[in-house]
Amino acid sequence: MHGTMSSSKDNGDEGSNGCGMSQETMSRVKRKRSDVAEKVAQRWKSYRYSADIENKTTDDHSDGDGHNDDECVIINESKVIDLTGPEHDLEAKEEACGAGNNAVFKLIKSDFYEAGDFVGVADDMITLKDIFCEKSLKRSILFSFQYELDFLLRQFHENIDNITIVGQKGTIVPVESRTMGAALLGTLRKIKLIEITMPPYASHHTKLIINFYDNGECRIFLPSNNFTSMETNLPQQVCWCSPVLQIDKEQPPVPFKTDLIKYLTSYHVKDIDELITRSVETVDFAPLSELEFVYSTPSRFQSSGLLSFYDKLEELSTGAATGDITKHYLCQTSSIGTSISRARDENLWTHLMIPLFTGIISAPVEGTHGRKKVKVPTTDSLVAEYTQGRIKPYIIFPTEREIMTSPLRQASSGWFHFQYLQKRSYYEMLRNQLKVFYKEDPATVTRRRGTTPAHSKFYMHCTTQPAESCDASRAFQELEWCLYTSANLSQTAWGTVSRKPRNYEAGVLYHSSKLAGIQRVTCRSFTRDRPSKGGNPSHVAVPFTLPVVPYDAAEDECFCLARHEYE
């Protein structure tokens, strides 16, 4: 989701186990954005925890990037809501198997698509119970944009000692009194809640889990979903899972850890420093030495977002590729922001990010007021530059047809935002001039999930030789780099050269120059390829088909939620 509360769809029935959705579930799925904010407020008023809770909600999020120039994020400096209390006996919960010891991507199993007689590739699937229901899990730290506590707390094992939640004020839906049992109450009292107040059009959008176990181990997870039932189960979701990390000091310091700590300290909150950062500092991140942590923060005191990502790519670059190669740049996103310019139709990916990465735009320089700036090319000049430089941009975004022919049709659509109806010229530029839109190959989607859209966000780059340029299947099997992140394609998430991000975001970067030996980042699709048995497993797995196929110029349109608001 991109800075909105449109996942009113999140509040669906937990008890729906099949692909056929009840009328009640469907009505919840179609609930308007404002209803969620109201529901949050009402639940806080009707149920009190062991601390005073303000009932203010934040329902002024927008799909667009907004034009508020505030760079300051208001954070309740010592606002830790202590929900701890006397321990209660908990009902036994189902134990779930833990994930393996390698950094891997997994599909999050859906109660709808994998219900009933499902027999799939178990190695490719993970559930929230797999993450939270480990008997040895003692402490869990969660960062997210939305929490449905009724749903989330049922995923934890009774042995959990402490759950720390970092969330945006107004996006945490409490447990309803009527569903409160002894077990749920016991888990509820183990929560420490740190609330963050964000300005309009900004989101605490990071999705990050840090788990500590009773045997001195730690694991990190980056799910693509927020912690609500409908968002977990309706669109396709993935999760990056770290290998097992030990509580120990690594030598020398690992960049992943260094940047994660910078991200945590960017909140400038004493409670995060004491409850989270100090714990992270005790972990040996050596198993993640080949990876980089990439983040966005609205903090005015440190570089993040697009500029930081660009600097990291420049630092890791092994030099410009030589020869008559084609350079492919792919973005798969669940939201596409508005134009980065008020005067012209300019897209963040096609007009700023790719030109920076390819050298079409020179490195940013300091302006007269201390801000970095660049000159963004016109669309016509970009078309010429891309053609001459053999640069091929891709944006994967669901089509109207993909949504309407997916197993659950519009039920899975509420997390996908590209509100272009009021600015058709911006859309037509991307669709007709740059021809950047791609979709899944309908011939290779799976039977159960079909063309269900993915809520993940992947940014990746690869090259192909002249003999391979006409063979679409060769693209994106071996990558120069791949970023998996919570950041949608918007300047709210990324910032620009002259503006800081307005969101908190987090992701993990795979770069070929960091890998041992001379090798590329390998990539496979969950929809077709199977995990490697023996040998070297793929570094990255994606929830869309590879190859992707271009939109049909005569029939395909990007999905636009506004078309269906009142259906």
Protein backbone atom coordinates (compact mmCIF):
# COMPACT_ATOMS: atom_id res chain seq x y z
CA MET A 1 0.00 0.00 0.00
CA HIS A 2 1.17 3.44 -0.76
CA GLY A 3 0.35 5.96 1.91
CA THR A 4 -3.36 5.11 2.08
CA MET A 5 -5.75 3.35 4.39
CA SER A 6 -7.47 1.64 1.53
CA SER A 7 -6.78 -1.73 3.03
CA SER A 8 -10.12 -1.59 4.73
CA LYS A 9 -10.05 -4.94 2.96
CA ASP A 10 -7.76 -6.05 5.75
CA ASN A 11 -10.64 -6.53 8.17
CA GLY A 12 -12.10 -9.68 6.69
CA ASP A 13 -13.27 -12.85 8.41
CA GLU A 14 -10.49 -15.02 9.73
CA GLY A 15 -12.74 -18.03 9.48
CA SER A 16 -13.09 -18.01 5.69
CA ASN A 17 -11.15 -21.03 4.53
CA GLY A 18 -12.13 -21.50 0.91
CA CYS A 19 -11.91 -19.53 -2.28
CA GLY A 20 -15.62 -18.81 -2.16
CA MET A 21 -15.98 -15.69 0.00
CA SER A 22 -19.03 -15.04 2.17
CA GLN A 23 -21.22 -12.00 1.65
CA GLU A 24 -19.95 -10.62 4.95
CA THR A 25 -16.34 -10.97 3.85
CA MET A 26 -17.02 -9.39 0.49
CA SER A 27 -18.75 -6.46 2.14
CA ARG A 28 -15.72 -5.96 4.34
CA VAL A 29 -13.41 -6.17 1.36
CA LYS A 30 -15.33 -3.39 -0.36
CA ARG A 31 -15.48 -1.10 2.67
CA LYS A 32 -14.32 2.45 1.93
CA ARG A 33 -10.99 3.79 3.19
CA SER A 34 -12.49 6.16 5.74
CA ASP A 35 -14.32 3.31 7.45
CA VAL A 36 -11.04 1.85 8.65
CA ALA A 37 -9.98 5.06 10.35
CA GLU A 38 -13.39 5.29 12.01
CA LYS A 39 -13.24 1.67 13.08
CA VAL A 40 -9.82 2.19 14.63
CA ALA A 41 -11.10 5.16 16.59
CA GLN A 42 -14.23 3.37 17.78
CA ARG A 43 -12.34 0.29 18.92
CA TRP A 44 -9.89 2.36 20.93
CA LYS A 45 -12.83 4.09 22.61
CA SER A 46 -14.68 0.88 23.40
CA TYR A 47 -11.75 -1.07 24.82
CA ARG A 48 -9.03 0.20 27.15
CA TYR A 49 -5.68 -1.40 27.73
CA SER A 50 -3.55 -0.79 30.80
CA ALA A 51 -2.46 2.64 29.60
CA ASP A 52 -4.11 5.78 28.31
CA ILE A 53 -4.48 5.73 24.55
CA GLU A 54 -5.26 8.73 22.41
CA ASN A 55 -8.02 8.10 19.89
CA LYS A 56 -6.73 10.21 17.06
CA THR A 57 -6.61 8.53 13.64
CA THR A 58 -4.73 9.34 10.50
CA ASP A 59 -7.04 9.00 7.52
CA ASP A 60 -5.59 11.67 5.29
CA HIS A 61 -3.23 9.35 3.43
CA SER A 62 -3.25 9.69 -0.31
CA ASP A 63 -2.37 7.54 -3.27
CA GLY A 64 -0.62 10.52 -4.75
CA ASP A 65 2.60 11.95 -3.43
CA GLY A 66 1.07 15.12 -2.06
CA HIS A 67 2.86 18.45 -2.04
CA ASN A 68 3.49 19.07 1.62
CA ASP A 69 7.03 20.33 2.06
CA ASP A 70 7.31 19.34 5.73
CA GLU A 71 10.34 17.15 6.24
CA CYS A 72 9.77 16.82 9.97
CA VAL A 73 8.19 13.70 11.40
CA ILE A 74 6.40 14.16 14.70
CA ILE A 75 7.20 11.29 17.03
CA ASN A 76 5.84 10.81 20.53
CA GLU A 77 9.25 10.86 22.18
CA SER A 78 8.43 8.70 25.17
CA LYS A 79 5.13 7.30 23.95
CA VAL A 80 5.52 3.65 24.89
CA ILE A 81 2.18 2.10 25.77
CA ASP A 82 2.95 -0.62 28.29
CA LEU A 83 0.51 -3.46 27.82
CA THR A 84 2.31 -5.85 30.15
CA GLY A 85 0.70 -7.33 33.21
CA PRO A 86 0.35 -10.56 35.20
CA GLU A 87 0.82 -13.71 33.19
CA HIS A 88 -2.19 -15.85 32.34
CA ASP A 89 -2.20 -19.45 31.25
CA LEU A 90 -2.54 -19.58 27.48
CA GLU A 91 -4.31 -22.15 25.36
CA ALA A 92 -1.94 -24.37 23.43
CA LYS A 93 -1.22 -23.15 19.92
CA GLU A 94 -0.15 -25.13 16.94
CA GLU A 95 3.61 -25.32 16.53
CA ALA A 96 4.89 -24.37 13.09
CA CYS A 97 8.15 -25.49 11.58
CA GLY A 98 10.95 -22.96 11.33
CA ALA A 99 12.48 -21.79 8.07
CA GLY A 100 15.86 -23.03 6.84
CA ASN A 101 19.33 -21.67 7.47
CA ASN A 102 19.80 -19.80 4.17
CA ALA A 103 18.53 -16.36 3.20
CA VAL A 104 15.52 -17.17 1.06
CA PHE A 105 12.37 -15.73 -0.44
CA LYS A 106 9.08 -17.48 0.25
CA LEU A 107 5.48 -17.06 -0.82
CA ILE A 108 3.15 -16.33 2.05
CA LYS A 109 0.56 -19.09 2.10
CA SER A 110 -3.01 -17.90 1.60
CA ASP A 111 -6.10 -19.23 3.35
CA PHE A 112 -7.91 -18.76 0.04
CA TYR A 113 -5.54 -19.94 -2.70
CA GLU A 114 -3.93 -22.80 -0.77
CA ALA A 115 -7.06 -23.93 1.07
CA GLY A 116 -8.63 -27.37 1.03
CA ASP A 117 -6.80 -30.07 -0.90
CA PHE A 118 -3.75 -27.94 -1.71
CA VAL A 119 -0.60 -29.90 -2.39
CA GLY A 120 2.19 -27.53 -3.36
CA VAL A 121 5.89 -26.97 -2.97
CA ALA A 122 6.24 -26.69 0.80
CA ASP A 123 9.74 -25.24 0.51
CA ASP A 124 8.28 -22.23 -1.29
CA MET A 125 5.64 -21.42 1.31
CA ILE A 126 5.67 -19.73 4.68
CA THR A 127 2.94 -18.65 7.09
CA LEU A 128 2.90 -16.11 9.88
CA LYS A 129 2.72 -19.03 12.29
CA ASP A 130 6.01 -20.29 10.85
CA ILE A 131 7.49 -16.92 11.79
CA PHE A 132 5.81 -16.31 15.15
CA CYS A 133 4.79 -19.72 16.52
CA GLU A 134 8.27 -21.13 17.19
CA LYS A 135 8.28 -22.55 20.70
CA SER A 136 11.76 -21.14 21.27
CA LEU A 137 10.78 -17.58 20.22
CA LYS A 138 11.07 -15.29 23.23
CA ARG A 139 10.98 -11.80 21.81
CA SER A 140 9.60 -10.37 18.58
CA ILE A 141 10.00 -6.82 17.25
CA LEU A 142 7.60 -5.71 14.53
CA PHE A 143 7.56 -2.69 12.22
CA SER A 144 4.57 -2.24 9.91
CA PHE A 145 1.98 0.15 8.52
CA GLN A 146 -1.14 -1.65 9.76
CA TYR A 147 -1.87 -4.09 12.56
CA GLU A 148 -5.05 -6.05 13.13
CA LEU A 149 -4.36 -7.38 16.61
CA ASP A 150 -7.25 -9.86 16.56
CA PHE A 151 -5.49 -11.55 13.64
CA LEU A 152 -1.85 -10.96 14.51
CA LEU A 153 -1.76 -12.10 18.13
CA ARG A 154 -3.28 -15.48 17.28
CA GLN A 155 -0.12 -16.29 15.31
CA PHE A 156 2.16 -16.31 18.38
CA HIS A 157 3.19 -19.26 20.51
CA GLU A 158 2.23 -19.09 24.18
CA ASN A 159 5.93 -19.08 25.17
CA ILE A 160 6.55 -15.59 23.77
CA ASP A 161 7.80 -13.23 26.49
CA ASN A 162 7.65 -9.88 24.75
CA ILE A 163 6.24 -8.35 21.55
CA THR A 164 7.40 -4.85 20.61
CA ILE A 165 5.23 -3.13 18.00
CA VAL A 166 6.37 0.00 16.16
CA GLY A 167 3.41 1.39 14.24
CA GLN A 168 1.81 4.51 12.89
CA LYS A 169 -0.76 6.17 15.09
CA GLY A 170 -4.28 5.37 13.90
CA THR A 171 -3.38 2.17 12.05
CA ILE A 172 -3.48 -0.34 14.89
CA VAL A 173 -6.85 -2.04 15.24
CA PRO A 174 -7.31 -3.35 18.80
CA VAL A 175 -8.81 -6.67 19.79
CA GLU A 176 -12.59 -6.60 20.06
CA SER A 177 -13.85 -7.29 23.56
CA ARG A 178 -16.21 -10.02 22.35
CA THR A 179 -13.30 -12.05 20.92
CA MET A 180 -11.07 -11.69 23.96
CA GLY A 181 -10.25 -15.04 25.54
CA ALA A 182 -7.74 -15.85 28.25
CA ALA A 183 -5.07 -16.88 25.75
CA LEU A 184 -5.44 -13.75 23.64
CA LEU A 185 -5.48 -11.55 26.73
CA GLY A 186 -2.28 -13.16 27.95
CA THR A 187 -0.53 -12.44 24.65
CA LEU A 188 -1.97 -8.93 24.56
CA ARG A 189 -0.40 -8.11 27.90
CA LYS A 190 3.03 -8.94 26.53
CA ILE A 191 2.91 -6.11 23.97
CA LYS A 192 4.94 -2.93 24.19
CA LEU A 193 3.59 -0.44 21.67
CA ILE A 194 5.61 2.45 20.26
CA GLU A 195 3.37 4.78 18.26
CA ILE A 196 4.62 7.17 15.60
CA THR A 197 2.66 10.17 14.37
CA MET A 198 3.22 10.91 10.70
CA PRO A 199 2.32 14.09 8.80
CA PRO A 200 -0.28 14.02 6.01
CA TYR A 201 0.58 11.95 2.92
CA ALA A 202 3.31 10.05 4.77
CA SER A 203 3.41 6.52 6.14
CA HIS A 204 5.36 4.35 8.52
CA HIS A 205 5.51 1.83 5.68
CA THR A 206 8.44 -0.39 6.75
CA LYS A 207 7.64 -4.09 7.09
CA LEU A 208 10.29 -5.68 9.29
CA ILE A 209 10.39 -8.46 11.89
CA ILE A 210 13.33 -9.12 14.23
CA ASN A 211 13.00 -12.32 16.27
CA PHE A 212 15.13 -13.37 19.25
CA TYR A 213 15.11 -16.98 20.45
CA ASP A 214 15.94 -18.65 23.77
CA ASN A 215 19.03 -20.36 22.32
CA GLY A 216 20.85 -17.10 21.55
CA GLU A 217 19.77 -16.93 17.91
CA CYS A 218 18.16 -14.15 15.91
CA ARG A 219 16.35 -14.04 12.58
CA ILE A 220 15.09 -11.19 10.43
CA PHE A 221 12.07 -11.27 8.13
CA LEU A 222 10.90 -8.74 5.56
CA PRO A 223 7.29 -9.57 4.60
CA SER A 224 5.51 -7.68 1.84
CA ASN A 225 2.26 -7.64 3.79
CA ASN A 226 1.08 -5.58 6.70
CA PHE A 227 -0.32 -7.54 9.63
CA THR A 228 -3.99 -7.81 8.69
CA SER A 229 -5.96 -10.87 7.68
CA MET A 230 -7.20 -9.72 4.29
CA GLU A 231 -3.91 -8.18 3.18
CA THR A 232 -2.06 -11.34 4.14
CA ASN A 233 -4.44 -13.62 2.24
CA LEU A 234 -5.94 -11.82 -0.77
CA PRO A 235 -3.12 -10.32 -2.87
CA GLN A 236 0.03 -12.36 -3.42
CA GLN A 237 2.59 -11.73 -0.68
CA VAL A 238 6.20 -12.77 -0.24
CA CYS A 239 8.68 -12.78 2.62
CA TRP A 240 12.46 -12.51 2.72
CA CYS A 241 13.90 -14.69 5.49
CA SER A 242 17.41 -14.25 6.84
CA PRO A 243 19.66 -17.13 7.81
CA VAL A 244 20.12 -17.83 11.50
CA LEU A 245 22.16 -15.09 13.20
CA GLN A 246 24.00 -15.55 16.48
CA ILE A 247 24.21 -13.23 19.44
CA ASP A 248 27.88 -12.33 19.10
CA LYS A 249 30.18 -9.59 17.82
CA GLU A 250 31.23 -9.83 14.20
CA GLN A 251 34.58 -8.65 12.87
CA PRO A 252 34.73 -6.51 10.88
CA PRO A 253 31.35 -4.71 11.07
CA VAL A 254 28.90 -5.80 8.36
CA PRO A 255 27.35 -3.01 6.20
CA PHE A 256 23.88 -4.56 6.54
CA LYS A 257 24.07 -4.17 10.32
CA THR A 258 25.57 -0.68 10.11
CA ASP A 259 22.74 0.57 7.91
CA LEU A 260 20.04 -1.19 9.95
CA ILE A 261 21.30 0.59 13.06
CA LYS A 262 21.37 3.91 11.17
CA TYR A 263 17.77 3.29 10.20
CA LEU A 264 16.75 2.57 13.80
CA THR A 265 18.53 5.63 15.17
CA SER A 266 16.85 7.83 12.53
CA TYR A 267 13.63 7.68 14.57
CA HIS A 268 15.37 9.71 17.30
CA VAL A 269 13.28 7.92 19.92
CA LYS A 270 14.86 6.89 23.20
CA ASP A 271 12.62 3.86 23.56
CA ILE A 272 13.62 2.47 20.15
CA ASP A 273 17.27 3.04 21.03
CA GLU A 274 16.91 1.17 24.33
CA LEU A 275 14.43 -1.56 23.42
CA ILE A 276 15.50 -2.36 19.86
CA THR A 277 18.81 -0.85 18.74
CA ARG A 278 20.76 -2.14 21.73
CA SER A 279 19.49 -5.66 21.05
CA VAL A 280 20.41 -5.46 17.36
CA GLU A 281 23.91 -4.32 18.30
CA THR A 282 24.50 -7.65 20.06
CA VAL A 283 23.86 -9.72 16.90
CA ASP A 284 26.55 -11.08 14.57
CA PHE A 285 25.46 -10.17 11.03
CA ALA A 286 28.34 -11.98 9.30
CA PRO A 287 25.94 -14.34 7.42
CA LEU A 288 24.51 -11.22 5.71
CA SER A 289 27.87 -9.84 4.62
CA GLU A 290 26.96 -10.18 0.92
CA LEU A 291 23.76 -8.15 1.28
CA GLU A 292 22.93 -4.50 1.90
CA PHE A 293 20.13 -2.93 3.94
CA VAL A 294 18.44 -0.11 1.99
CA TYR A 295 16.01 2.23 3.70
CA SER A 296 14.08 5.49 3.59
CA THR A 297 13.59 7.80 6.53
CA PRO A 298 12.15 11.31 6.79
CA SER A 299 14.92 12.27 9.19
CA ARG A 300 16.62 15.41 7.99
CA PHE A 301 19.88 14.35 9.60
CA GLN A 302 20.91 11.52 7.31
CA SER A 303 20.87 10.45 3.69
CA SER A 304 18.36 7.79 2.68
CA GLY A 305 15.93 6.88 -0.07
CA LEU A 306 16.87 7.47 -3.70
CA LEU A 307 20.11 9.37 -3.11
CA SER A 308 21.40 6.78 -0.67
CA PHE A 309 20.41 3.93 -3.00
CA TYR A 310 22.12 5.66 -5.94
CA ASP A 311 25.29 6.20 -3.89
CA LYS A 312 25.27 2.54 -2.87
CA LEU A 313 24.95 1.37 -6.48
CA GLU A 314 27.78 3.69 -7.51
CA GLU A 315 29.97 2.37 -4.70
CA LEU A 316 29.29 -1.25 -5.67
CA SER A 317 29.59 -0.70 -9.42
CA THR A 318 32.36 -2.55 -11.22
CA GLY A 319 32.29 -0.11 -14.12
CA ALA A 320 30.05 0.39 -17.12
CA ALA A 321 29.25 -2.73 -19.10
CA THR A 322 30.98 -2.86 -22.45
CA GLY A 323 29.88 -4.23 -25.78
CA ASP A 324 26.63 -4.10 -27.66
CA ILE A 325 24.45 -5.19 -24.76
CA THR A 326 20.87 -4.40 -23.79
CA LYS A 327 20.31 -3.01 -20.30
CA HIS A 328 17.03 -4.02 -18.66
CA TYR A 329 15.56 -2.14 -15.68
CA LEU A 330 12.45 -3.60 -14.07
CA CYS A 331 10.18 -2.24 -11.36
CA GLN A 332 7.34 -4.35 -9.97
CA THR A 333 5.17 -2.29 -7.64
CA SER A 334 1.74 -2.13 -6.07
CA SER A 335 1.42 1.65 -6.37
CA ILE A 336 2.58 4.21 -8.92
CA GLY A 337 2.85 7.76 -7.67
CA THR A 338 1.99 10.96 -9.44
CA SER A 339 4.34 12.90 -11.70
CA ILE A 340 7.50 14.15 -10.00
CA SER A 341 6.97 17.47 -11.77
CA ARG A 342 3.94 19.73 -11.63
CA ALA A 343 4.79 21.25 -14.99
CA ARG A 344 5.56 18.10 -17.00
CA ASP A 345 4.65 14.42 -17.07
CA GLU A 346 7.65 12.76 -15.43
CA ASN A 347 7.76 9.37 -13.76
CA LEU A 348 10.16 8.60 -10.92
CA TRP A 349 11.38 5.33 -12.47
CA THR A 350 11.63 6.32 -16.13
CA HIS A 351 12.65 9.97 -15.81
CA LEU A 352 14.88 10.01 -12.73
CA MET A 353 15.95 6.62 -11.35
CA ILE A 354 16.92 4.84 -14.58
CA PRO A 355 18.59 7.97 -16.05
CA LEU A 356 20.64 8.27 -12.85
CA PHE A 357 21.60 4.59 -12.86
CA THR A 358 22.63 4.66 -16.54
CA GLY A 359 24.47 7.99 -16.54
CA ILE A 360 21.95 9.77 -18.77
CA ILE A 361 21.66 12.16 -15.85
CA SER A 362 24.99 13.23 -14.39
CA ALA A 363 25.69 12.74 -10.71
CA PRO A 364 23.76 15.20 -8.53
CA VAL A 365 25.56 18.42 -7.63
CA GLU A 366 25.00 20.91 -4.84
CA GLY A 367 22.74 23.82 -5.76
CA THR A 368 22.98 27.39 -4.51
CA HIS A 369 20.86 26.58 -1.45
CA GLY A 370 22.76 23.44 -0.49
CA ARG A 371 20.28 21.08 -2.12
CA LYS A 372 21.37 18.62 -4.73
CA LYS A 373 19.69 18.90 -8.09
CA VAL A 374 19.74 17.43 -11.57
CA LYS A 375 18.19 18.28 -14.91
CA VAL A 376 15.48 15.74 -15.75
CA PRO A 377 15.34 14.90 -19.50
CA THR A 378 12.17 15.38 -21.51
CA THR A 379 10.22 12.31 -22.54
CA ASP A 380 11.16 12.75 -26.20
CA SER A 381 14.86 12.92 -25.38
CA LEU A 382 14.53 9.87 -23.13
CA VAL A 383 12.93 7.84 -25.90
CA ALA A 384 15.93 8.66 -28.09
CA GLU A 385 18.45 7.98 -25.29
CA TYR A 386 16.85 4.65 -24.42
CA THR A 387 16.81 3.56 -28.05
CA GLN A 388 20.39 4.60 -28.73
CA GLY A 389 21.71 3.19 -25.45
CA ARG A 390 19.74 -0.06 -25.72
CA ILE A 391 18.05 0.65 -22.40
CA LYS A 392 14.75 -1.10 -21.77
CA PRO A 393 12.51 0.05 -18.90
CA TYR A 394 9.75 -2.14 -17.44
CA ILE A 395 6.98 -1.43 -14.96
CA ILE A 396 4.96 -4.45 -13.86
CA PHE A 397 1.51 -3.37 -12.73
CA PRO A 398 -1.76 -5.35 -12.86
CA THR A 399 -4.13 -4.78 -15.76
CA GLU A 400 -7.89 -4.41 -15.48
CA ARG A 401 -8.25 -7.80 -17.14
CA GLU A 402 -5.79 -9.50 -14.77
CA ILE A 403 -7.76 -8.27 -11.78
CA MET A 404 -11.15 -9.21 -13.21
CA THR A 405 -10.05 -12.70 -14.29
CA SER A 406 -8.09 -13.54 -11.13
CA PRO A 407 -9.61 -16.17 -8.80
CA LEU A 408 -11.08 -13.64 -6.36
CA ARG A 409 -11.51 -10.84 -8.90
CA GLN A 410 -11.83 -7.41 -7.27
CA ALA A 411 -11.40 -8.78 -3.76
CA SER A 412 -7.62 -8.73 -4.28
CA SER A 413 -7.53 -5.26 -5.85
CA GLY A 414 -7.73 -2.85 -2.93
CA TRP A 415 -3.97 -2.63 -2.40
CA PHE A 416 -3.08 -1.46 -5.93
CA HIS A 417 -3.05 2.25 -6.65
CA PHE A 418 -2.47 4.21 -9.81
CA GLN A 419 -4.97 7.05 -9.88
CA TYR A 420 -4.39 8.31 -13.39
CA LEU A 421 -7.92 9.19 -14.51
CA GLN A 422 -7.46 12.87 -13.67
CA LYS A 423 -4.07 13.00 -15.40
CA ARG A 424 -4.47 10.89 -18.51
CA SER A 425 -1.51 12.53 -20.22
CA TYR A 426 0.83 11.13 -17.54
CA TYR A 427 -0.54 7.64 -18.08
CA GLU A 428 -0.54 7.90 -21.88
CA MET A 429 3.09 9.03 -21.81
CA LEU A 430 4.11 5.88 -19.94
CA ARG A 431 1.84 3.57 -21.90
CA ASN A 432 2.19 4.88 -25.45
CA GLN A 433 5.47 6.81 -25.65
CA LEU A 434 7.76 4.84 -23.36
CA LYS A 435 5.75 1.59 -23.58
CA VAL A 436 6.89 0.54 -20.12
CA PHE A 437 3.94 -1.54 -18.92
CA TYR A 438 4.31 -5.30 -18.62
CA LYS A 439 2.16 -8.03 -17.11
CA GLU A 440 2.35 -11.69 -16.21
CA ASP A 441 2.42 -14.27 -18.97
CA PRO A 442 -1.10 -15.79 -18.80
CA ALA A 443 0.26 -19.06 -20.20
CA THR A 444 2.51 -19.67 -17.19
CA VAL A 445 0.52 -18.43 -14.18
CA THR A 446 -0.48 -21.07 -11.65
CA ARG A 447 -3.97 -22.55 -11.62
CA ARG A 448 -4.76 -21.61 -8.03
CA ARG A 449 -3.41 -18.06 -7.99
CA GLY A 450 -3.86 -17.20 -11.64
CA THR A 451 -3.30 -13.50 -12.31
CA THR A 452 -3.74 -12.45 -8.67
CA PRO A 453 -1.57 -9.33 -8.31
CA ALA A 454 1.49 -9.30 -6.06
CA HIS A 455 1.83 -6.73 -3.29
CA SER A 456 5.64 -7.03 -3.34
CA LYS A 457 8.04 -4.39 -4.65
CA PHE A 458 11.09 -5.45 -6.67
CA TYR A 459 13.59 -3.23 -8.50
CA MET A 460 16.13 -5.09 -10.64
CA HIS A 461 18.69 -4.67 -13.39
CA CYS A 462 20.19 -7.15 -15.83
CA THR A 463 21.94 -7.16 -19.18
CA THR A 464 21.62 -9.39 -22.23
CA GLN A 465 23.95 -9.94 -25.14
CA PRO A 466 22.84 -9.17 -28.74
CA ALA A 467 22.12 -12.83 -29.45
CA GLU A 468 19.85 -12.93 -26.41
CA SER A 469 18.06 -9.62 -26.88
CA CYS A 470 15.20 -11.17 -28.85
CA ASP A 471 14.79 -14.02 -26.37
CA ALA A 472 12.63 -12.61 -23.58
CA SER A 473 13.10 -15.73 -21.47
CA ARG A 474 16.78 -14.88 -20.97
CA ALA A 475 16.07 -11.54 -19.30
CA PHE A 476 16.07 -11.43 -15.50
CA GLN A 477 17.47 -14.90 -14.94
CA GLU A 478 20.84 -13.46 -13.98
CA LEU A 479 20.90 -9.98 -12.48
CA GLU A 480 23.44 -7.27 -11.85
CA TRP A 481 21.43 -6.29 -8.80
CA CYS A 482 18.01 -6.70 -7.21
CA LEU A 483 16.32 -4.67 -4.49
CA TYR A 484 13.36 -6.12 -2.59
CA THR A 485 11.72 -3.40 -0.52
CA SER A 486 8.57 -1.97 1.01
CA ALA A 487 9.00 1.19 -1.10
CA ASN A 488 6.44 1.74 -3.83
CA LEU A 489 7.21 3.76 -6.94
CA SER A 490 6.58 7.20 -5.48
CA GLN A 491 8.54 10.18 -4.30
CA THR A 492 6.82 9.82 -0.92
CA ALA A 493 8.63 6.51 -0.50
CA TRP A 494 11.90 7.38 -2.24
CA GLY A 495 12.24 11.13 -2.19
CA THR A 496 13.97 12.72 -5.17
CA VAL A 497 17.39 14.26 -5.68
CA SER A 498 16.31 17.46 -3.91
CA ARG A 499 13.64 16.13 -1.54
CA LYS A 500 13.90 13.66 1.29
CA PRO A 501 11.53 10.69 1.52
CA ARG A 502 8.42 11.21 3.62
CA ASN A 503 7.95 7.55 4.51
CA TYR A 504 9.82 4.99 6.54
CA GLU A 505 10.73 2.09 4.20
CA ALA A 506 13.12 -0.87 4.34
CA GLY A 507 14.54 -3.44 1.95
CA VAL A 508 17.41 -5.77 1.11
CA LEU A 509 19.79 -5.35 -1.85
CA TYR A 510 21.52 -8.18 -3.70
CA HIS A 511 24.44 -6.98 -5.85
CA SER A 512 26.63 -9.18 -8.03
CA SER A 513 29.80 -7.38 -6.95
CA LYS A 514 29.20 -8.50 -3.35
CA LEU A 515 28.96 -12.18 -4.22
CA ALA A 516 31.92 -14.50 -3.86
CA GLY A 517 33.63 -15.29 -7.13
CA ILE A 518 32.52 -14.09 -10.55
CA GLN A 519 28.80 -14.65 -10.53
CA ARG A 520 25.49 -12.90 -11.01
CA VAL A 521 22.48 -12.63 -8.75
CA THR A 522 20.25 -15.50 -9.86
CA CYS A 523 16.50 -15.10 -10.06
CA ARG A 524 13.57 -17.46 -10.51
CA SER A 525 9.78 -17.22 -10.49
CA PHE A 526 7.57 -18.91 -7.91
CA THR A 527 4.96 -19.41 -10.63
CA ARG A 528 6.98 -21.78 -12.78
CA ASP A 529 10.43 -22.63 -11.48
CA ARG A 530 11.03 -24.95 -8.58
CA PRO A 531 13.60 -24.55 -5.79
CA SER A 532 16.97 -26.03 -6.62
CA LYS A 533 17.56 -29.45 -5.09
CA GLY A 534 21.24 -29.58 -4.30
CA GLY A 535 23.53 -27.27 -6.22
CA ASN A 536 23.20 -23.52 -5.78
CA PRO A 537 19.70 -22.18 -5.04
CA SER A 538 18.56 -18.94 -6.67
CA HIS A 539 19.28 -15.81 -4.69
CA VAL A 540 15.94 -14.18 -5.52
CA ALA A 541 12.45 -15.58 -6.15
CA VAL A 542 9.61 -13.39 -7.44
CA PRO A 543 5.80 -13.85 -7.36
CA PHE A 544 5.28 -12.90 -11.00
CA THR A 545 6.03 -14.84 -14.16
CA LEU A 546 9.40 -14.68 -15.85
CA PRO A 547 9.41 -13.65 -18.54
CA VAL A 548 6.81 -10.93 -18.31
CA VAL A 549 4.96 -9.85 -21.45
CA PRO A 550 4.12 -6.36 -22.72
CA TYR A 551 0.61 -4.97 -22.44
CA ASP A 552 -1.62 -5.58 -25.43
CA ALA A 553 -1.85 -2.06 -26.89
CA ALA A 554 -5.42 -2.61 -28.03
CA GLU A 555 -6.86 -4.27 -24.94
CA ASP A 556 -4.82 -3.76 -21.78
CA GLU A 557 -5.21 -0.86 -19.36
CA CYS A 558 -3.58 -0.41 -15.97
CA PHE A 559 -5.94 -1.25 -13.15
CA CYS A 560 -7.40 1.89 -11.58
CA LEU A 561 -9.27 1.53 -8.31
CA ALA A 562 -11.25 4.70 -8.95
CA ARG A 563 -13.09 2.98 -11.79
CA HIS A 564 -14.57 0.53 -9.28
CA GLU A 565 -15.16 2.69 -6.22
CA TYR A 566 -18.94 2.39 -6.32
CA GLU A 567 -19.39 -1.06 -7.82
